Amino acid sequence: MRKPRDYDAELQALNDKAKQLKTRKQTQLGELVIATGADALGTEILAGVLLAAIGTDDAARKEAWRKRGAAFFQGASNARQSAGKDTGSTQAIDPDAQPVAGAPGPA
């Protein structure tokens, strides 16, 4: 005769694993904020920038951000040194900001 499965124990194990994964994700996101220097921004600013990034449909802008992020993770020295600093582009701080008249645009 087969031993009956303990569905409650299996479900609890899955819930515990999901909780661990969620905690790890939150920790890694916090580490990313610190590693990029974004922890120097106020929480309202950081939240606003992230919300603007989520809300944009501009594929070219997202690709530029992706490339910059990939360079950061690949350890490009200039990407790490400039992380969190204003590079002269309004996009570095606010993804939806419009360039100031007479200011140089992104390259």
N, C-alpha and C. Protein backbone atom coordinates (compact mmCIF):
# COMPACT_ATOMS: atom_id res chain seq x y z
N MET A 1 0.84 -1.18 0.00
CA MET A 1 0.00 0.00 0.00
C MET A 1 0.89 1.25 0.00
N ARG A 2 0.50 2.24 -0.80
CA ARG A 2 1.26 3.49 -0.89
C ARG A 2 1.04 4.36 0.33
N LYS A 3 2.09 5.06 0.65
CA LYS A 3 1.99 6.02 1.75
C LYS A 3 1.27 7.27 1.22
N PRO A 4 0.28 7.76 1.93
CA PRO A 4 -0.45 8.95 1.45
C PRO A 4 0.46 10.19 1.50
N ARG A 5 0.26 11.05 0.51
CA ARG A 5 1.04 12.29 0.45
C ARG A 5 0.53 13.28 1.47
N ASP A 6 1.45 14.01 2.04
CA ASP A 6 1.09 15.05 3.00
C ASP A 6 1.05 16.38 2.25
N TYR A 7 -0.12 16.67 1.66
CA TYR A 7 -0.26 17.88 0.85
C TYR A 7 -0.05 19.15 1.67
N ASP A 8 -0.47 19.13 2.90
CA ASP A 8 -0.29 20.31 3.75
C ASP A 8 1.20 20.61 3.96
N ALA A 9 1.98 19.57 4.21
CA ALA A 9 3.42 19.76 4.42
C ALA A 9 4.09 20.24 3.13
N GLU A 10 3.68 19.68 1.99
CA GLU A 10 4.24 20.11 0.70
C GLU A 10 3.89 21.56 0.41
N LEU A 11 2.65 21.92 0.69
CA LEU A 11 2.22 23.30 0.47
C LEU A 11 2.97 24.26 1.38
N GLN A 12 3.18 23.88 2.62
CA GLN A 12 3.93 24.71 3.55
C GLN A 12 5.38 24.87 3.08
N ALA A 13 5.98 23.80 2.58
CA ALA A 13 7.36 23.86 2.08
C ALA A 13 7.44 24.81 0.88
N LEU A 14 6.45 24.75 0.00
CA LEU A 14 6.44 25.66 -1.15
C LEU A 14 6.26 27.11 -0.71
N ASN A 15 5.40 27.34 0.26
CA ASN A 15 5.20 28.69 0.79
C ASN A 15 6.47 29.22 1.43
N ASP A 16 7.17 28.36 2.17
CA ASP A 16 8.44 28.76 2.79
C ASP A 16 9.47 29.12 1.73
N LYS A 17 9.54 28.31 0.67
CA LYS A 17 10.49 28.57 -0.41
C LYS A 17 10.16 29.89 -1.11
N ALA A 18 8.87 30.16 -1.35
CA ALA A 18 8.46 31.41 -1.99
C ALA A 18 8.83 32.60 -1.11
N LYS A 19 8.67 32.46 0.19
CA LYS A 19 9.02 33.54 1.11
C LYS A 19 10.53 33.81 1.09
N GLN A 20 11.32 32.73 1.04
CA GLN A 20 12.77 32.88 0.96
C GLN A 20 13.19 33.58 -0.33
N LEU A 21 12.57 33.21 -1.44
CA LEU A 21 12.89 33.83 -2.73
C LEU A 21 12.52 35.31 -2.73
N LYS A 22 11.38 35.64 -2.15
CA LYS A 22 10.96 37.04 -2.09
C LYS A 22 11.93 37.86 -1.24
N THR A 23 12.34 37.30 -0.11
CA THR A 23 13.30 37.98 0.76
C THR A 23 14.62 38.18 0.05
N ARG A 24 15.09 37.16 -0.66
CA ARG A 24 16.35 37.28 -1.40
C ARG A 24 16.26 38.35 -2.49
N LYS A 25 15.12 38.40 -3.18
CA LYS A 25 14.92 39.41 -4.22
C LYS A 25 14.97 40.82 -3.63
N GLN A 26 14.30 41.02 -2.51
CA GLN A 26 14.29 42.32 -1.86
C GLN A 26 15.70 42.71 -1.41
N THR A 27 16.44 41.76 -0.88
CA THR A 27 17.80 42.04 -0.45
C THR A 27 18.67 42.43 -1.64
N GLN A 28 18.55 41.70 -2.73
CA GLN A 28 19.35 42.00 -3.92
C GLN A 28 19.00 43.35 -4.51
N LEU A 29 17.72 43.71 -4.51
CA LEU A 29 17.32 45.03 -5.01
C LEU A 29 17.90 46.14 -4.13
N GLY A 30 17.88 45.94 -2.83
CA GLY A 30 18.49 46.91 -1.92
C GLY A 30 19.99 47.04 -2.16
N GLU A 31 20.66 45.92 -2.37
CA GLU A 31 22.09 45.94 -2.66
C GLU A 31 22.37 46.68 -3.97
N LEU A 32 21.49 46.49 -4.96
CA LEU A 32 21.65 47.16 -6.24
C LEU A 32 21.51 48.67 -6.08
N VAL A 33 20.55 49.11 -5.30
CA VAL A 33 20.36 50.54 -5.05
C VAL A 33 21.61 51.12 -4.41
N ILE A 34 22.18 50.41 -3.45
CA ILE A 34 23.39 50.89 -2.78
C ILE A 34 24.58 50.87 -3.73
N ALA A 35 24.74 49.79 -4.49
CA ALA A 35 25.89 49.65 -5.40
C ALA A 35 25.91 50.72 -6.48
N THR A 36 24.73 51.15 -6.93
CA THR A 36 24.67 52.17 -7.97
C THR A 36 24.80 53.59 -7.42
N GLY A 37 24.71 53.72 -6.11
CA GLY A 37 24.77 55.04 -5.49
C GLY A 37 23.41 55.71 -5.43
N ALA A 38 22.36 54.99 -5.82
CA ALA A 38 21.02 55.57 -5.81
C ALA A 38 20.49 55.75 -4.40
N ASP A 39 21.17 55.18 -3.41
CA ASP A 39 20.72 55.38 -2.04
C ASP A 39 20.94 56.82 -1.58
N ALA A 40 21.72 57.58 -2.34
CA ALA A 40 21.92 58.99 -2.03
C ALA A 40 20.70 59.83 -2.41
N LEU A 41 19.86 59.29 -3.27
CA LEU A 41 18.63 59.99 -3.66
C LEU A 41 17.59 59.82 -2.57
N GLY A 42 16.70 60.76 -2.48
CA GLY A 42 15.59 60.62 -1.56
C GLY A 42 14.67 59.50 -2.03
N THR A 43 13.92 58.93 -1.11
CA THR A 43 13.05 57.83 -1.50
C THR A 43 11.98 58.25 -2.49
N GLU A 44 11.48 59.49 -2.35
CA GLU A 44 10.47 59.96 -3.29
C GLU A 44 11.06 60.12 -4.69
N ILE A 45 12.28 60.61 -4.78
CA ILE A 45 12.93 60.77 -6.08
C ILE A 45 13.18 59.41 -6.71
N LEU A 46 13.73 58.49 -5.94
CA LEU A 46 14.03 57.16 -6.45
C LEU A 46 12.74 56.48 -6.92
N ALA A 47 11.69 56.58 -6.14
CA ALA A 47 10.41 55.98 -6.54
C ALA A 47 9.89 56.63 -7.81
N GLY A 48 10.02 57.95 -7.91
CA GLY A 48 9.56 58.65 -9.11
C GLY A 48 10.32 58.24 -10.35
N VAL A 49 11.63 58.09 -10.23
CA VAL A 49 12.44 57.67 -11.37
C VAL A 49 12.06 56.26 -11.81
N LEU A 50 11.89 55.37 -10.85
CA LEU A 50 11.51 54.00 -11.19
C LEU A 50 10.13 53.93 -11.82
N LEU A 51 9.20 54.70 -11.29
CA LEU A 51 7.85 54.73 -11.88
C LEU A 51 7.88 55.30 -13.30
N ALA A 52 8.69 56.31 -13.53
CA ALA A 52 8.81 56.88 -14.87
C ALA A 52 9.42 55.86 -15.83
N ALA A 53 10.39 55.10 -15.35
CA ALA A 53 11.01 54.07 -16.19
C ALA A 53 10.02 52.99 -16.56
N ILE A 54 9.18 52.62 -15.60
CA ILE A 54 8.18 51.59 -15.87
C ILE A 54 7.14 52.11 -16.85
N GLY A 55 6.80 53.38 -16.74
CA GLY A 55 5.74 53.96 -17.55
C GLY A 55 6.14 54.35 -18.96
N THR A 56 7.43 54.32 -19.28
CA THR A 56 7.84 54.75 -20.61
C THR A 56 7.69 53.63 -21.63
N ASP A 57 7.29 54.02 -22.84
CA ASP A 57 7.18 53.06 -23.94
C ASP A 57 8.27 53.32 -24.99
N ASP A 58 9.21 54.21 -24.69
CA ASP A 58 10.27 54.57 -25.62
C ASP A 58 11.32 53.45 -25.66
N ALA A 59 11.28 52.66 -26.73
CA ALA A 59 12.18 51.50 -26.84
C ALA A 59 13.64 51.93 -26.90
N ALA A 60 13.93 53.04 -27.56
CA ALA A 60 15.31 53.51 -27.67
C ALA A 60 15.86 53.90 -26.30
N ARG A 61 15.04 54.56 -25.52
CA ARG A 61 15.46 54.97 -24.17
C ARG A 61 15.71 53.75 -23.29
N LYS A 62 14.79 52.76 -23.38
CA LYS A 62 14.96 51.54 -22.59
C LYS A 62 16.22 50.79 -23.01
N GLU A 63 16.51 50.77 -24.30
CA GLU A 63 17.72 50.10 -24.78
C GLU A 63 18.96 50.80 -24.27
N ALA A 64 18.94 52.12 -24.24
CA ALA A 64 20.08 52.87 -23.71
C ALA A 64 20.28 52.56 -22.23
N TRP A 65 19.19 52.48 -21.48
CA TRP A 65 19.29 52.13 -20.06
C TRP A 65 19.81 50.71 -19.90
N ARG A 66 19.34 49.79 -20.76
CA ARG A 66 19.78 48.40 -20.68
C ARG A 66 21.28 48.30 -20.91
N LYS A 67 21.78 49.02 -21.91
CA LYS A 67 23.21 49.00 -22.22
C LYS A 67 24.02 49.57 -21.05
N ARG A 68 23.53 50.64 -20.47
CA ARG A 68 24.23 51.24 -19.34
C ARG A 68 24.25 50.29 -18.14
N GLY A 69 23.14 49.61 -17.92
CA GLY A 69 23.08 48.62 -16.84
C GLY A 69 23.99 47.44 -17.10
N ALA A 70 24.02 46.97 -18.35
CA ALA A 70 24.90 45.85 -18.69
C ALA A 70 26.36 46.23 -18.48
N ALA A 71 26.71 47.46 -18.85
CA ALA A 71 28.09 47.92 -18.64
C ALA A 71 28.41 47.98 -17.15
N PHE A 72 27.44 48.37 -16.34
CA PHE A 72 27.64 48.42 -14.90
C PHE A 72 27.95 47.03 -14.36
N PHE A 73 27.17 46.04 -14.78
CA PHE A 73 27.36 44.69 -14.28
C PHE A 73 28.61 44.02 -14.83
N GLN A 74 29.05 44.45 -16.00
CA GLN A 74 30.27 43.89 -16.58
C GLN A 74 31.51 44.49 -15.93
N GLY A 75 31.31 45.46 -15.08
CA GLY A 75 32.43 46.02 -14.34
C GLY A 75 33.17 47.11 -15.08
N ALA A 76 32.52 47.71 -16.08
CA ALA A 76 33.15 48.82 -16.78
C ALA A 76 33.46 49.92 -15.77
N SER A 77 34.71 50.32 -15.70
CA SER A 77 35.13 51.27 -14.67
C SER A 77 34.38 52.59 -14.77
N ASN A 78 34.16 53.07 -15.97
CA ASN A 78 33.48 54.36 -16.09
C ASN A 78 32.01 54.25 -15.71
N ALA A 79 31.39 53.09 -15.91
CA ALA A 79 29.99 52.92 -15.52
C ALA A 79 29.86 52.94 -14.00
N ARG A 80 30.78 52.29 -13.30
CA ARG A 80 30.72 52.27 -11.84
C ARG A 80 31.06 53.64 -11.26
N GLN A 81 32.03 54.33 -11.87
CA GLN A 81 32.41 55.63 -11.35
C GLN A 81 31.32 56.66 -11.57
N SER A 82 30.60 56.55 -12.68
CA SER A 82 29.57 57.54 -12.97
C SER A 82 28.20 57.14 -12.45
N ALA A 83 28.11 55.97 -11.84
CA ALA A 83 26.81 55.53 -11.32
C ALA A 83 26.30 56.52 -10.30
N GLY A 84 25.08 56.97 -10.51
CA GLY A 84 24.46 57.88 -9.57
C GLY A 84 24.86 59.33 -9.74
N LYS A 85 25.76 59.61 -10.68
CA LYS A 85 26.19 61.00 -10.90
C LYS A 85 25.47 61.55 -12.11
N ASP A 86 25.26 62.85 -12.11
CA ASP A 86 24.65 63.51 -13.25
C ASP A 86 25.69 63.62 -14.34
N THR A 87 25.43 62.98 -15.47
CA THR A 87 26.38 62.97 -16.58
C THR A 87 26.12 64.10 -17.56
N GLY A 88 25.33 65.07 -17.15
CA GLY A 88 25.02 66.18 -18.03
C GLY A 88 23.74 65.96 -18.80
N SER A 89 23.20 64.77 -18.74
CA SER A 89 21.96 64.46 -19.41
C SER A 89 20.84 64.46 -18.39
N THR A 90 19.71 65.04 -18.74
CA THR A 90 18.60 65.05 -17.81
C THR A 90 18.07 63.64 -17.62
N GLN A 91 18.32 62.73 -18.55
CA GLN A 91 17.86 61.36 -18.43
C GLN A 91 18.55 60.64 -17.29
N ALA A 92 19.73 61.10 -16.87
CA ALA A 92 20.44 60.43 -15.79
C ALA A 92 19.66 60.52 -14.48
N ILE A 93 18.87 61.57 -14.31
CA ILE A 93 18.13 61.75 -13.08
C ILE A 93 16.65 61.46 -13.28
N ASP A 94 16.06 62.07 -14.29
CA ASP A 94 14.62 61.92 -14.51
C ASP A 94 14.39 61.42 -15.93
N PRO A 95 13.94 60.17 -16.10
CA PRO A 95 13.76 59.62 -17.42
C PRO A 95 12.76 60.37 -18.28
N ASP A 96 11.85 61.12 -17.68
CA ASP A 96 10.83 61.83 -18.45
C ASP A 96 11.13 63.32 -18.60
N ALA A 97 12.26 63.75 -18.05
CA ALA A 97 12.58 65.19 -18.12
C ALA A 97 12.87 65.59 -19.55
N GLN A 98 12.45 66.80 -19.89
CA GLN A 98 12.71 67.35 -21.21
C GLN A 98 14.01 68.13 -21.15
N PRO A 99 14.85 68.06 -22.21
CA PRO A 99 16.10 68.81 -22.19
C PRO A 99 15.86 70.31 -22.11
N VAL A 100 16.74 71.01 -21.43
CA VAL A 100 16.65 72.44 -21.31
C VAL A 100 17.11 73.05 -22.63
N ALA A 101 16.42 74.11 -23.07
CA ALA A 101 16.78 74.75 -24.32
C ALA A 101 18.23 75.21 -24.27
N GLY A 102 18.99 74.87 -25.31
CA GLY A 102 20.38 75.24 -25.37
C GLY A 102 21.32 74.25 -24.72
N ALA A 103 20.76 73.29 -23.98
CA ALA A 103 21.61 72.28 -23.33
C ALA A 103 21.91 71.19 -24.34
N PRO A 104 23.10 70.61 -24.25
CA PRO A 104 23.43 69.53 -25.19
C PRO A 104 22.55 68.32 -24.93
N GLY A 105 22.08 67.70 -25.99
CA GLY A 105 21.23 66.53 -25.87
C GLY A 105 22.06 65.27 -25.71
N PRO A 106 21.42 64.13 -25.47
CA PRO A 106 22.14 62.89 -25.34
C PRO A 106 22.78 62.49 -26.66
N ALA A 107 23.93 61.87 -26.57
CA ALA A 107 24.66 61.47 -27.78
C ALA A 107 24.12 60.19 -28.35
